[in-house]
Amino acid sequence: MKLVVLFIFGLFLLSLSGCNKERTKKDDLAKDVEMITDYGTIVLRLSDKTPIHRANFIKLVNQKFYDSIAFHRVIENFVIQGGNPTTKPSEVFKGNGDPELSYTIEAEIKPTLYHKRGALGAARTGNISNRNRLSSGFQFYIVQRGQRVDSTLNIDLERVNKQIAFNTIINGPIISADIDNYINLKEKLELLDNENRTEKDSLLLRSLKNKVDAYNIDSLTDIEIKNMKKYEFPEAHRKVYKTLGGTPHLDQNYTVFGEVVKGMDIVDRIATIKTNENGKPLNDVLIVSARMIKRISY
């Protein structure tokens, strides 16, 4: 029965990923997204430079997917994050969303799109489990952080270069093959009930994990950092980070696919609400509705 469910789910994901472009109305490409929240209205402008993310977001908005979804991760002076379908009032909350509803889309990391204050980015899983930096099909975040100074920007730059080096190592041809074998088996076993997992599977999983651990990826990353050509923040980006603000340590690692053009005061208000230790608001702040609206100058 589980195989049948997974097969049907696989067809569902194919239909979603295959229809993004054809379902996007041409006039929607020149519109903005109006997101009405419990705290007020946020208007988002999607980037022409990230057509996959733009089409996917428009599709979800037109399907009213975001209506009644809550912001499930709020960290003041960092980001507010939403798009988890299990935050709807009728659902049981799962921190990472519902794996049987989730899908990912190809990364569109562009050098000219960066994490300035108000940037709209695509959430994703990290580390070796997502070496291609695939974006969540549903979850997004809005950068709320304020101004940076040169000393903190330099620390952020070190983090960016460490992540670039890490990505280079885990995408090496030999290591990446072993990582994929380990991750694929791990995900396969996670879908099985305990009684359907064999001792042979568990031993193989442990063996694959030991093989990946033996590479000592952190040490290889340190070596790569010393040898690679370092990334530098463009001077124009530095200026924006020092005057407007943002989260520069996420640059070159997450897809930015739009920005807030109206309603940053609402983002700031949401960012101040009380949360638990995981950043989940104690009281839900809902996206009441999201829709495409005529683009105007603000």
Foldseek 3Di string as FASTA:
>chain_A
DLVVLVVVLVVVVCVLQVCLVVPDDPVLLQWWKWFQWPLGIFIWHFDPQCSSLSSLVQVCQVVFVQAQWFFFFFAAQFKTKTFASQRHPVHPDDPVHDPSNKDWAQARADLVQAFFQFFKFFDDDDDLLCLRLTGISTMIIGTLHFADDPVVVVVLQVLQLLVVLLSVQCPPPPNVVLSCVLNVLVVVVVSDDPVPDDPVSVVVNVVSVVVNVVVVSSVSSVVSSVPDDGDDRPPVVNVSRRHGNGRRSCHPRTHGTIGTQDDSVSRNVVNPADDPPRRGHPDTIGRNHMHIDRDDHD
